[in-house]
């Protein structure tokens, strides 16, 4: 049975944190449904909504994320999201969802 989980990571920002956390998720073969990231005054607030295909995988994967977060001196919190709540949220977006990947050192408003 699949599980949808909102993972919230917080702590002092520094290079490589997002890559470290998403690297753990990559090993678990999750589908990323949404990402939000902000840094304010050096503090990272990173939310990632994931779809994990199997409950047994979910338990091990979230333990691995927790271990990586602890290793990096970050806090990790998990919130399970029901399929109905996710669908309600996705439907409320009003438009089709798309994946956008940017490879750039700088993005300007014109781009």
PDB file of N, CA and C in Angstrom:
ATOM      1  N   UNK A   1       0.841  -1.183   0.000  1.00  0.00           N
ATOM      2  CA  UNK A   1       0.000   0.000   0.000  1.00  0.00           C
ATOM      3  C   UNK A   1       0.884   1.244   0.000  1.00  0.00           C
ATOM      4  N   UNK A   2       0.543   2.207  -0.808  1.00  0.00           N
ATOM      5  CA  UNK A   2       1.346   3.426  -0.916  1.00  0.00           C
ATOM      6  C   UNK A   2       1.115   4.331   0.284  1.00  0.00           C
ATOM      7  N   UNK A   3       2.087   5.194   0.521  1.00  0.00           N
ATOM      8  CA  UNK A   3       1.979   6.154   1.612  1.00  0.00           C
ATOM      9  C   UNK A   3       2.460   7.508   1.111  1.00  0.00           C
ATOM     10  N   UNK A   4       1.673   8.550   1.390  1.00  0.00           N
ATOM     11  CA  UNK A   4       2.056   9.921   1.054  1.00  0.00           C
ATOM     12  C   UNK A   4       2.468  10.590   2.358  1.00  0.00           C
ATOM     13  N   UNK A   5       3.665  11.174   2.345  1.00  0.00           N
ATOM     14  CA  UNK A   5       4.226  11.755   3.566  1.00  0.00           C
ATOM     15  C   UNK A   5       4.803  13.132   3.246  1.00  0.00           C
ATOM     16  N   UNK A   6       4.488  14.098   4.114  1.00  0.00           N
ATOM     17  CA  UNK A   6       5.124  15.411   4.050  1.00  0.00           C
ATOM     18  C   UNK A   6       6.310  15.382   5.005  1.00  0.00           C
ATOM     19  N   UNK A   7       7.498  15.581   4.471  1.00  0.00           N
ATOM     20  CA  UNK A   7       8.724  15.609   5.265  1.00  0.00           C
ATOM     21  C   UNK A   7       9.133  17.068   5.419  1.00  0.00           C
ATOM     22  N   UNK A   8       9.277  17.525   6.651  1.00  0.00           N
ATOM     23  CA  UNK A   8       9.738  18.890   6.930  1.00  0.00           C
ATOM     24  C   UNK A   8      11.118  18.822   7.556  1.00  0.00           C
ATOM     25  N   UNK A   9      12.069  19.512   6.948  1.00  0.00           N
ATOM     26  CA  UNK A   9      13.443  19.562   7.433  1.00  0.00           C
ATOM     27  C   UNK A   9      13.742  21.006   7.812  1.00  0.00           C
ATOM     28  N   UNK A  10      14.277  21.221   9.003  1.00  0.00           N
ATOM     29  CA  UNK A  10      14.646  22.566   9.429  1.00  0.00           C
ATOM     30  C   UNK A  10      16.014  22.540  10.099  1.00  0.00           C
ATOM     31  N   UNK A  11      16.674  23.680  10.053  1.00  0.00           N
ATOM     32  CA  UNK A  11      17.968  23.815  10.707  1.00  0.00           C
ATOM     33  C   UNK A  11      18.807  24.879  10.030  1.00  0.00           C
ATOM     34  N   UNK A  12      20.033  24.987  10.484  1.00  0.00           N
ATOM     35  CA  UNK A  12      20.951  25.982   9.923  1.00  0.00           C
ATOM     36  C   UNK A  12      21.324  25.591   8.497  1.00  0.00           C
ATOM     37  N   UNK A  13      21.150  26.521   7.570  1.00  0.00           N
ATOM     38  CA  UNK A  13      21.420  26.256   6.160  1.00  0.00           C
ATOM     39  C   UNK A  13      22.912  26.245   5.877  1.00  0.00           C
ATOM     40  N   UNK A  14      23.299  25.388   4.960  1.00  0.00           N
ATOM     41  CA  UNK A  14      24.658  25.344   4.418  1.00  0.00           C
ATOM     42  C   UNK A  14      24.618  24.537   3.120  1.00  0.00           C
ATOM     43  N   UNK A  15      25.610  24.668   2.274  1.00  0.00           N
ATOM     44  CA  UNK A  15      25.598  23.980   0.981  1.00  0.00           C
ATOM     45  C   UNK A  15      25.502  22.461   1.141  1.00  0.00           C
ATOM     46  N   UNK A  16      24.733  21.843   0.245  1.00  0.00           N
ATOM     47  CA  UNK A  16      24.671  20.391   0.165  1.00  0.00           C
ATOM     48  C   UNK A  16      23.559  19.722   0.954  1.00  0.00           C
ATOM     49  N   UNK A  17      22.803  20.472   1.755  1.00  0.00           N
ATOM     50  CA  UNK A  17      21.775  19.841   2.591  1.00  0.00           C
ATOM     51  C   UNK A  17      20.645  19.243   1.760  1.00  0.00           C
ATOM     52  N   UNK A  18      20.148  20.006   0.813  1.00  0.00           N
ATOM     53  CA  UNK A  18      19.055  19.507  -0.023  1.00  0.00           C
ATOM     54  C   UNK A  18      19.496  18.267  -0.789  1.00  0.00           C
ATOM     55  N   UNK A  19      20.694  18.301  -1.333  1.00  0.00           N
ATOM     56  CA  UNK A  19      21.215  17.145  -2.068  1.00  0.00           C
ATOM     57  C   UNK A  19      21.357  15.929  -1.160  1.00  0.00           C
ATOM     58  N   UNK A  20      21.780  16.133   0.072  1.00  0.00           N
ATOM     59  CA  UNK A  20      21.952  15.015   1.004  1.00  0.00           C
ATOM     60  C   UNK A  20      20.613  14.352   1.318  1.00  0.00           C
ATOM     61  N   UNK A  21      19.596  15.155   1.588  1.00  0.00           N
ATOM     62  CA  UNK A  21      18.273  14.612   1.927  1.00  0.00           C
ATOM     63  C   UNK A  21      17.629  13.957   0.712  1.00  0.00           C
ATOM     64  N   UNK A  22      17.660  14.628  -0.432  1.00  0.00           N
ATOM     65  CA  UNK A  22      17.045  14.044  -1.618  1.00  0.00           C
ATOM     66  C   UNK A  22      17.818  12.809  -2.091  1.00  0.00           C
ATOM     67  N   UNK A  23      19.116  12.745  -1.789  1.00  0.00           N
ATOM     68  CA  UNK A  23      19.897  11.553  -2.105  1.00  0.00           C
ATOM     69  C   UNK A  23      19.397  10.334  -1.350  1.00  0.00           C
ATOM     70  N   UNK A  24      19.026  10.521  -0.095  1.00  0.00           N
ATOM     71  CA  UNK A  24      18.450   9.420   0.692  1.00  0.00           C
ATOM     72  C   UNK A  24      17.121   9.000   0.076  1.00  0.00           C
ATOM     73  N   UNK A  25      16.303   9.977  -0.313  1.00  0.00           N
ATOM     74  CA  UNK A  25      15.005   9.674  -0.914  1.00  0.00           C
ATOM     75  C   UNK A  25      15.169   8.952  -2.249  1.00  0.00           C
ATOM     76  N   UNK A  26      16.177   9.324  -3.005  1.00  0.00           N
ATOM     77  CA  UNK A  26      16.454   8.683  -4.286  1.00  0.00           C
ATOM     78  C   UNK A  26      16.689   7.186  -4.096  1.00  0.00           C
ATOM     79  N   UNK A  27      17.421   6.838  -3.067  1.00  0.00           N
ATOM     80  CA  UNK A  27      17.718   5.432  -2.795  1.00  0.00           C
ATOM     81  C   UNK A  27      16.451   4.645  -2.484  1.00  0.00           C
ATOM     82  N   UNK A  28      15.418   5.334  -1.972  1.00  0.00           N
ATOM     83  CA  UNK A  28      14.161   4.674  -1.648  1.00  0.00           C
ATOM     84  C   UNK A  28      13.191   4.609  -2.811  1.00  0.00           C
ATOM     85  N   UNK A  29      13.542   5.213  -3.933  1.00  0.00           N
ATOM     86  CA  UNK A  29      12.705   5.153  -5.116  1.00  0.00           C
ATOM     87  C   UNK A  29      11.355   5.837  -4.974  1.00  0.00           C
ATOM     88  N   UNK A  30      11.301   6.952  -4.269  1.00  0.00           N
ATOM     89  CA  UNK A  30      10.035   7.650  -4.052  1.00  0.00           C
ATOM     90  C   UNK A  30       9.675   8.519  -5.260  1.00  0.00           C
ATOM     91  N   UNK A  31       8.421   8.882  -5.328  1.00  0.00           N
ATOM     92  CA  UNK A  31       7.970   9.893  -6.283  1.00  0.00           C
ATOM     93  C   UNK A  31       7.811  11.194  -5.509  1.00  0.00           C
ATOM     94  N   UNK A  32       8.402  12.260  -6.017  1.00  0.00           N
ATOM     95  CA  UNK A  32       8.287  13.566  -5.383  1.00  0.00           C
ATOM     96  C   UNK A  32       7.062  14.258  -5.964  1.00  0.00           C
ATOM     97  N   UNK A  33       6.127  14.621  -5.088  1.00  0.00           N
ATOM     98  CA  UNK A  33       4.887  15.255  -5.505  1.00  0.00           C
ATOM     99  C   UNK A  33       4.956  16.769  -5.437  1.00  0.00           C
ATOM    100  N   UNK A  34       5.740  17.296  -4.492  1.00  0.00           N
ATOM    101  CA  UNK A  34       5.848  18.747  -4.342  1.00  0.00           C
ATOM    102  C   UNK A  34       7.050  19.056  -3.459  1.00  0.00           C
ATOM    103  N   UNK A  35       7.664  20.207  -3.697  1.00  0.00           N
ATOM    104  CA  UNK A  35       8.805  20.666  -2.898  1.00  0.00           C
ATOM    105  C   UNK A  35       8.624  22.147  -2.614  1.00  0.00           C
ATOM    106  N   UNK A  36       8.950  22.533  -1.400  1.00  0.00           N
ATOM    107  CA  UNK A  36       9.013  23.944  -1.039  1.00  0.00           C
ATOM    108  C   UNK A  36      10.252  24.161  -0.192  1.00  0.00           C
ATOM    109  N   UNK A  37      11.023  25.193  -0.496  1.00  0.00           N
ATOM    110  CA  UNK A  37      12.258  25.445   0.224  1.00  0.00           C
ATOM    111  C   UNK A  37      12.422  26.945   0.405  1.00  0.00           C
ATOM    112  N   UNK A  38      12.785  27.333   1.618  1.00  0.00           N
ATOM    113  CA  UNK A  38      13.062  28.740   1.893  1.00  0.00           C
ATOM    114  C   UNK A  38      14.203  28.826   2.888  1.00  0.00           C
ATOM    115  N   UNK A  39      14.996  29.866   2.755  1.00  0.00           N
ATOM    116  CA  UNK A  39      16.054  30.159   3.716  1.00  0.00           C
ATOM    117  C   UNK A  39      15.850  31.591   4.167  1.00  0.00           C
ATOM    118  N   UNK A  40      15.669  31.747   5.468  1.00  0.00           N
ATOM    119  CA  UNK A  40      15.496  33.077   6.039  1.00  0.00           C
ATOM    120  C   UNK A  40      16.500  33.251   7.160  1.00  0.00           C
ATOM    121  N   UNK A  41      17.344  34.261   7.033  1.00  0.00           N
ATOM    122  CA  UNK A  41      18.359  34.564   8.041  1.00  0.00           C
ATOM    123  C   UNK A  41      19.177  33.336   8.399  1.00  0.00           C
ATOM    124  N   UNK A  42      19.533  32.553   7.373  1.00  0.00           N
ATOM    125  CA  UNK A  42      20.402  31.400   7.571  1.00  0.00           C
ATOM    126  C   UNK A  42      19.708  30.141   8.060  1.00  0.00           C
ATOM    127  N   UNK A  43      18.378  30.189   8.212  1.00  0.00           N
ATOM    128  CA  UNK A  43      17.647  29.013   8.673  1.00  0.00           C
ATOM    129  C   UNK A  43      16.882  28.389   7.509  1.00  0.00           C
ATOM    130  N   UNK A  44      17.118  27.117   7.307  1.00  0.00           N
ATOM    131  CA  UNK A  44      16.484  26.356   6.236  1.00  0.00           C
ATOM    132  C   UNK A  44      15.122  25.838   6.683  1.00  0.00           C
ATOM    133  N   UNK A  45      14.141  25.980   5.811  1.00  0.00           N
ATOM    134  CA  UNK A  45      12.838  25.354   5.984  1.00  0.00           C
ATOM    135  C   UNK A  45      12.538  24.647   4.663  1.00  0.00           C
ATOM    136  N   UNK A  46      12.556  23.325   4.703  1.00  0.00           N
ATOM    137  CA  UNK A  46      12.474  22.505   3.498  1.00  0.00           C
ATOM    138  C   UNK A  46      11.350  21.495   3.663  1.00  0.00           C
ATOM    139  N   UNK A  47      10.353  21.581   2.803  1.00  0.00           N
ATOM    140  CA  UNK A  47       9.255  20.625   2.824  1.00  0.00           C
ATOM    141  C   UNK A  47       9.232  19.854   1.529  1.00  0.00           C
ATOM    142  N   UNK A  48       9.069  18.556   1.638  1.00  0.00           N
ATOM    143  CA  UNK A  48       9.009  17.718   0.449  1.00  0.00           C
ATOM    144  C   UNK A  48       7.904  16.686   0.639  1.00  0.00           C
ATOM    145  N   UNK A  49       6.970  16.687  -0.289  1.00  0.00           N
ATOM    146  CA  UNK A  49       5.849  15.765  -0.259  1.00  0.00           C
ATOM    147  C   UNK A  49       6.202  14.584  -1.152  1.00  0.00           C
ATOM    148  N   UNK A  50       6.208  13.388  -0.574  1.00  0.00           N
ATOM    149  CA  UNK A  50       6.649  12.205  -1.317  1.00  0.00           C
ATOM    150  C   UNK A  50       5.571  11.140  -1.320  1.00  0.00           C
ATOM    151  N   UNK A  51       5.595  10.347  -2.364  1.00  0.00           N
ATOM    152  CA  UNK A  51       4.717   9.190  -2.515  1.00  0.00           C
ATOM    153  C   UNK A  51       5.621   7.966  -2.457  1.00  0.00           C
ATOM    154  N   UNK A  52       5.425   7.155  -1.422  1.00  0.00           N
ATOM    155  CA  UNK A  52       6.250   5.969  -1.215  1.00  0.00           C
ATOM    156  C   UNK A  52       5.373   4.761  -1.536  1.00  0.00           C
ATOM    157  N   UNK A  53       5.836   3.913  -2.435  1.00  0.00           N
ATOM    158  CA  UNK A  53       5.013   2.833  -2.970  1.00  0.00           C
ATOM    159  C   UNK A  53       4.636   1.765  -1.947  1.00  0.00           C
ATOM    160  N   UNK A  54       5.415   1.599  -0.894  1.00  0.00           N
ATOM    161  CA  UNK A  54       5.205   0.473   0.020  1.00  0.00           C
ATOM    162  C   UNK A  54       5.422   0.911   1.464  1.00  0.00           C
ATOM    163  N   UNK A  55       4.532   0.502   2.381  1.00  0.00           N
ATOM    164  CA  UNK A  55       4.644   0.886   3.790  1.00  0.00           C
ATOM    165  C   UNK A  55       5.939   0.407   4.439  1.00  0.00           C
ATOM    166  N   UNK A  56       6.377  -0.800   4.107  1.00  0.00           N
ATOM    167  CA  UNK A  56       7.628  -1.307   4.686  1.00  0.00           C
ATOM    168  C   UNK A  56       8.808  -0.465   4.229  1.00  0.00           C
ATOM    169  N   UNK A  57       8.808  -0.094   2.969  1.00  0.00           N
ATOM    170  CA  UNK A  57       9.854   0.783   2.443  1.00  0.00           C
ATOM    171  C   UNK A  57       9.775   2.137   3.133  1.00  0.00           C
ATOM    172  N   UNK A  58       8.551   2.624   3.360  1.00  0.00           N
ATOM    173  CA  UNK A  58       8.351   3.937   3.985  1.00  0.00           C
ATOM    174  C   UNK A  58       9.006   3.986   5.358  1.00  0.00           C
ATOM    175  N   UNK A  59       8.796   2.972   6.163  1.00  0.00           N
ATOM    176  CA  UNK A  59       9.366   2.955   7.514  1.00  0.00           C
ATOM    177  C   UNK A  59      10.884   3.035   7.467  1.00  0.00           C
ATOM    178  N   UNK A  60      11.507   2.194   6.659  1.00  0.00           N
ATOM    179  CA  UNK A  60      12.977   2.197   6.554  1.00  0.00           C
ATOM    180  C   UNK A  60      13.485   3.505   5.972  1.00  0.00           C
ATOM    181  N   UNK A  61      12.791   3.995   4.958  1.00  0.00           N
ATOM    182  CA  UNK A  61      13.227   5.218   4.298  1.00  0.00           C
ATOM    183  C   UNK A  61      13.160   6.416   5.241  1.00  0.00           C
ATOM    184  N   UNK A  62      12.069   6.546   5.979  1.00  0.00           N
ATOM    185  CA  UNK A  62      11.935   7.674   6.897  1.00  0.00           C
ATOM    186  C   UNK A  62      12.944   7.571   8.042  1.00  0.00           C
ATOM    187  N   UNK A  63      13.292   6.365   8.450  1.00  0.00           N
ATOM    188  CA  UNK A  63      14.357   6.193   9.447  1.00  0.00           C
ATOM    189  C   UNK A  63      15.691   6.643   8.870  1.00  0.00           C
ATOM    190  N   UNK A  64      15.930   6.353   7.592  1.00  0.00           N
ATOM    191  CA  UNK A  64      17.172   6.788   6.939  1.00  0.00           C
ATOM    192  C   UNK A  64      17.230   8.304   6.808  1.00  0.00           C
ATOM    193  N   UNK A  65      16.101   8.924   6.473  1.00  0.00           N
ATOM    194  CA  UNK A  65      16.047  10.390   6.397  1.00  0.00           C
ATOM    195  C   UNK A  65      16.315  10.982   7.773  1.00  0.00           C
ATOM    196  N   UNK A  66      15.706  10.391   8.802  1.00  0.00           N
ATOM    197  CA  UNK A  66      15.916  10.868  10.173  1.00  0.00           C
ATOM    198  C   UNK A  66      17.390  10.775  10.559  1.00  0.00           C
ATOM    199  N   UNK A  67      18.028   9.661  10.224  1.00  0.00           N
ATOM    200  CA  UNK A  67      19.448   9.470  10.549  1.00  0.00           C
ATOM    201  C   UNK A  67      20.314  10.504   9.817  1.00  0.00           C
ATOM    202  N   UNK A  68      20.015  10.739   8.539  1.00  0.00           N
ATOM    203  CA  UNK A  68      20.788  11.715   7.759  1.00  0.00           C
ATOM    204  C   UNK A  68      20.580  13.119   8.326  1.00  0.00           C
ATOM    205  N   UNK A  69      19.344  13.453   8.671  1.00  0.00           N
ATOM    206  CA  UNK A  69      19.058  14.769   9.252  1.00  0.00           C
ATOM    207  C   UNK A  69      19.830  14.943  10.556  1.00  0.00           C
ATOM    208  N   UNK A  70      19.817  13.926  11.393  1.00  0.00           N
ATOM    209  CA  UNK A  70      20.545  13.995  12.669  1.00  0.00           C
ATOM    210  C   UNK A  70      22.048  14.169  12.418  1.00  0.00           C
ATOM    211  N   UNK A  71      22.570  13.422  11.461  1.00  0.00           N
ATOM    212  CA  UNK A  71      23.990  13.524  11.099  1.00  0.00           C
ATOM    213  C   UNK A  71      24.352  14.942  10.662  1.00  0.00           C
ATOM    214  N   UNK A  72      23.410  15.620  10.003  1.00  0.00           N
ATOM    215  CA  UNK A  72      23.635  16.972   9.494  1.00  0.00           C
ATOM    216  C   UNK A  72      23.190  18.057  10.471  1.00  0.00           C
ATOM    217  N   UNK A  73      22.818  17.655  11.674  1.00  0.00           N
ATOM    218  CA  UNK A  73      22.359  18.579  12.715  1.00  0.00           C
ATOM    219  C   UNK A  73      21.100  19.336  12.284  1.00  0.00           C
ATOM    220  N   UNK A  74      20.184  18.593  11.656  1.00  0.00           N
ATOM    221  CA  UNK A  74      18.906  19.134  11.221  1.00  0.00           C
ATOM    222  C   UNK A  74      17.787  18.422  11.976  1.00  0.00           C
ATOM    223  N   UNK A  75      16.611  19.022  11.960  1.00  0.00           N
ATOM    224  CA  UNK A  75      15.438  18.389  12.542  1.00  0.00           C
ATOM    225  C   UNK A  75      14.545  17.916  11.399  1.00  0.00           C
ATOM    226  N   UNK A  76      14.007  16.705  11.543  1.00  0.00           N
ATOM    227  CA  UNK A  76      13.097  16.155  10.546  1.00  0.00           C
ATOM    228  C   UNK A  76      11.773  15.808  11.226  1.00  0.00           C
ATOM    229  N   UNK A  77      10.692  16.184  10.571  1.00  0.00           N
ATOM    230  CA  UNK A  77       9.356  15.893  11.073  1.00  0.00           C
ATOM    231  C   UNK A  77       8.540  15.317   9.917  1.00  0.00           C
ATOM    232  N   UNK A  78       7.676  14.357  10.222  1.00  0.00           N
ATOM    233  CA  UNK A  78       6.890  13.678   9.198  1.00  0.00           C
ATOM    234  C   UNK A  78       5.411  13.822   9.483  1.00  0.00           C
ATOM    235  N   UNK A  79       4.651  14.072   8.433  1.00  0.00           N
ATOM    236  CA  UNK A  79       3.202  14.154   8.547  1.00  0.00           C
ATOM    237  C   UNK A  79       2.594  13.272   7.461  1.00  0.00           C
ATOM    238  N   UNK A  80       1.908  12.196   7.848  1.00  0.00           N
ATOM    239  CA  UNK A  80       1.227  11.382   6.834  1.00  0.00           C
ATOM    240  C   UNK A  80       0.067  12.180   6.230  1.00  0.00           C
ATOM    241  N   UNK A  81      -0.119  12.053   4.931  1.00  0.00           N
ATOM    242  CA  UNK A  81      -1.185  12.745   4.207  1.00  0.00           C
ATOM    243  C   UNK A  81      -2.086  11.672   3.587  1.00  0.00           C
ATOM    244  N   UNK A  82      -3.376  11.755   3.854  1.00  0.00           N
ATOM    245  CA  UNK A  82      -4.293  10.770   3.275  1.00  0.00           C
ATOM    246  C   UNK A  82      -4.405  10.995   1.772  1.00  0.00           C
ATOM    247  N   UNK A  83      -4.768   9.938   1.070  1.00  0.00           N
ATOM    248  CA  UNK A  83      -4.965  10.042  -0.376  1.00  0.00           C
ATOM    249  C   UNK A  83      -6.034  11.090  -0.687  1.00  0.00           C
ATOM    250  N   UNK A  84      -7.103  11.103   0.107  1.00  0.00           N
ATOM    251  CA  UNK A  84      -8.193  12.071  -0.110  1.00  0.00           C
ATOM    252  C   UNK A  84      -7.709  13.499   0.107  1.00  0.00           C
ATOM    253  N   UNK A  85      -6.911  13.737   1.162  1.00  0.00           N
ATOM    254  CA  UNK A  85      -6.391  15.084   1.416  1.00  0.00           C
ATOM    255  C   UNK A  85      -5.440  15.526   0.312  1.00  0.00           C
ATOM    256  N   UNK A  86      -4.604  14.598  -0.164  1.00  0.00           N
ATOM    257  CA  UNK A  86      -3.688  14.944  -1.256  1.00  0.00           C
ATOM    258  C   UNK A  86      -4.487  15.290  -2.512  1.00  0.00           C
ATOM    259  N   UNK A  87      -5.483  14.463  -2.834  1.00  0.00           N
ATOM    260  CA  UNK A  87      -6.272  14.693  -4.038  1.00  0.00           C
ATOM    261  C   UNK A  87      -7.025  16.016  -3.953  1.00  0.00           C
ATOM    262  N   UNK A  88      -7.566  16.330  -2.786  1.00  0.00           N
ATOM    263  CA  UNK A  88      -8.256  17.607  -2.573  1.00  0.00           C
ATOM    264  C   UNK A  88      -7.303  18.775  -2.805  1.00  0.00           C
ATOM    265  N   UNK A  89      -6.088  18.665  -2.260  1.00  0.00           N
ATOM    266  CA  UNK A  89      -5.085  19.706  -2.453  1.00  0.00           C
ATOM    267  C   UNK A  89      -4.708  19.839  -3.921  1.00  0.00           C
ATOM    268  N   UNK A  90      -4.434  18.702  -4.580  1.00  0.00           N
ATOM    269  CA  UNK A  90      -4.024  18.729  -5.986  1.00  0.00           C
ATOM    270  C   UNK A  90      -5.129  19.293  -6.864  1.00  0.00           C
ATOM    271  N   UNK A  91      -6.372  18.906  -6.589  1.00  0.00           N
ATOM    272  CA  UNK A  91      -7.492  19.425  -7.371  1.00  0.00           C
ATOM    273  C   UNK A  91      -7.651  20.932  -7.179  1.00  0.00           C
ATOM    274  N   UNK A  92      -7.328  21.431  -5.997  1.00  0.00           N
ATOM    275  CA  UNK A  92      -7.449  22.848  -5.691  1.00  0.00           C
ATOM    276  C   UNK A  92      -6.405  23.712  -6.371  1.00  0.00           C
ATOM    277  N   UNK A  93      -5.409  23.091  -6.961  1.00  0.00           N
ATOM    278  CA  UNK A  93      -4.372  23.855  -7.646  1.00  0.00           C
ATOM    279  C   UNK A  93      -4.911  24.488  -8.921  1.00  0.00           C
ATOM    280  N   UNK A  94      -5.986  23.915  -9.475  1.00  0.00           N
ATOM    281  CA  UNK A  94      -6.664  24.534 -10.603  1.00  0.00           C
ATOM    282  C   UNK A  94      -6.043  24.313 -11.963  1.00  0.00           C
ATOM    283  N   UNK A  95      -4.876  23.757 -12.021  1.00  0.00           N
ATOM    284  CA  UNK A  95      -4.226  23.536 -13.304  1.00  0.00           C
ATOM    285  C   UNK A  95      -3.480  22.212 -13.262  1.00  0.00           C
ATOM    286  N   UNK A  96      -3.116  21.741 -14.423  1.00  0.00           N
ATOM    287  CA  UNK A  96      -2.335  20.507 -14.498  1.00  0.00           C
ATOM    288  C   UNK A  96      -0.984  20.716 -13.810  1.00  0.00           C
ATOM    289  N   UNK A  97      -0.478  19.688 -13.170  1.00  0.00           N
ATOM    290  CA  UNK A  97       0.813  19.750 -12.495  1.00  0.00           C
ATOM    291  C   UNK A  97       1.915  19.408 -13.499  1.00  0.00           C
ATOM    292  N   UNK A  98       3.052  20.087 -13.371  1.00  0.00           N
ATOM    293  CA  UNK A  98       4.187  19.862 -14.265  1.00  0.00           C
ATOM    294  C   UNK A  98       5.462  19.773 -13.440  1.00  0.00           C
ATOM    295  N   UNK A  99       6.420  19.059 -13.961  1.00  0.00           N
ATOM    296  CA  UNK A  99       7.733  19.005 -13.333  1.00  0.00           C
ATOM    297  C   UNK A  99       8.653  19.928 -14.126  1.00  0.00           C
ATOM    298  N   UNK A 100       9.328  20.826 -13.424  1.00  0.00           N
ATOM    299  CA  UNK A 100      10.250  21.762 -14.059  1.00  0.00           C
ATOM    300  C   UNK A 100      11.619  21.579 -13.420  1.00  0.00           C
ATOM    301  N   UNK A 101      12.614  21.382 -14.236  1.00  0.00           N
ATOM    302  CA  UNK A 101      13.981  21.260 -13.754  1.00  0.00           C
ATOM    303  C   UNK A 101      14.805  22.392 -14.341  1.00  0.00           C
ATOM    304  N   UNK A 102      15.486  23.145 -13.483  1.00  0.00           N
ATOM    305  CA  UNK A 102      16.329  24.238 -13.928  1.00  0.00           C
ATOM    306  C   UNK A 102      17.773  23.939 -13.567  1.00  0.00           C
ATOM    307  N   UNK A 103      18.641  24.088 -14.507  1.00  0.00           N
ATOM    308  CA  UNK A 103      20.067  23.944 -14.267  1.00  0.00           C
ATOM    309  C   UNK A 103      20.700  25.293 -14.543  1.00  0.00           C
ATOM    310  N   UNK A 104      20.945  26.037 -13.502  1.00  0.00           N
ATOM    311  CA  UNK A 104      21.441  27.388 -13.669  1.00  0.00           C
ATOM    312  C   UNK A 104      22.030  27.890 -12.372  1.00  0.00           C
ATOM    313  N   UNK A 105      22.985  28.773 -12.453  1.00  0.00           N
ATOM    314  CA  UNK A 105      23.523  29.422 -11.261  1.00  0.00           C
ATOM    315  C   UNK A 105      22.694  30.630 -10.867  1.00  0.00           C
ATOM    316  N   UNK A 106      21.946  31.157 -11.851  1.00  0.00           N
ATOM    317  CA  UNK A 106      21.181  32.369 -11.593  1.00  0.00           C
ATOM    318  C   UNK A 106      19.933  32.361 -12.473  1.00  0.00           C
ATOM    319  N   UNK A 107      18.827  32.745 -11.873  1.00  0.00           N
ATOM    320  CA  UNK A 107      17.576  32.873 -12.619  1.00  0.00           C
ATOM    321  C   UNK A 107      17.102  34.315 -12.445  1.00  0.00           C
ATOM    322  N   UNK A 108      16.786  34.961 -13.568  1.00  0.00           N
ATOM    323  CA  UNK A 108      16.310  36.341 -13.485  1.00  0.00           C
ATOM    324  C   UNK A 108      14.804  36.346 -13.739  1.00  0.00           C
ATOM    325  N   UNK A 109      14.118  37.416 -13.347  1.00  0.00           N
ATOM    326  CA  UNK A 109      12.670  37.486 -13.599  1.00  0.00           C
ATOM    327  C   UNK A 109      12.289  37.360 -15.070  1.00  0.00           C
ATOM    328  N   UNK A 110      13.149  37.830 -15.959  1.00  0.00           N
ATOM    329  CA  UNK A 110      12.863  37.740 -17.385  1.00  0.00           C
ATOM    330  C   UNK A 110      12.826  36.296 -17.877  1.00  0.00           C
ATOM    331  N   UNK A 111      13.601  35.431 -17.260  1.00  0.00           N
ATOM    332  CA  UNK A 111      13.654  34.049 -17.702  1.00  0.00           C
ATOM    333  C   UNK A 111      12.426  33.313 -17.260  1.00  0.00           C
TER     334      UNK A 111
END
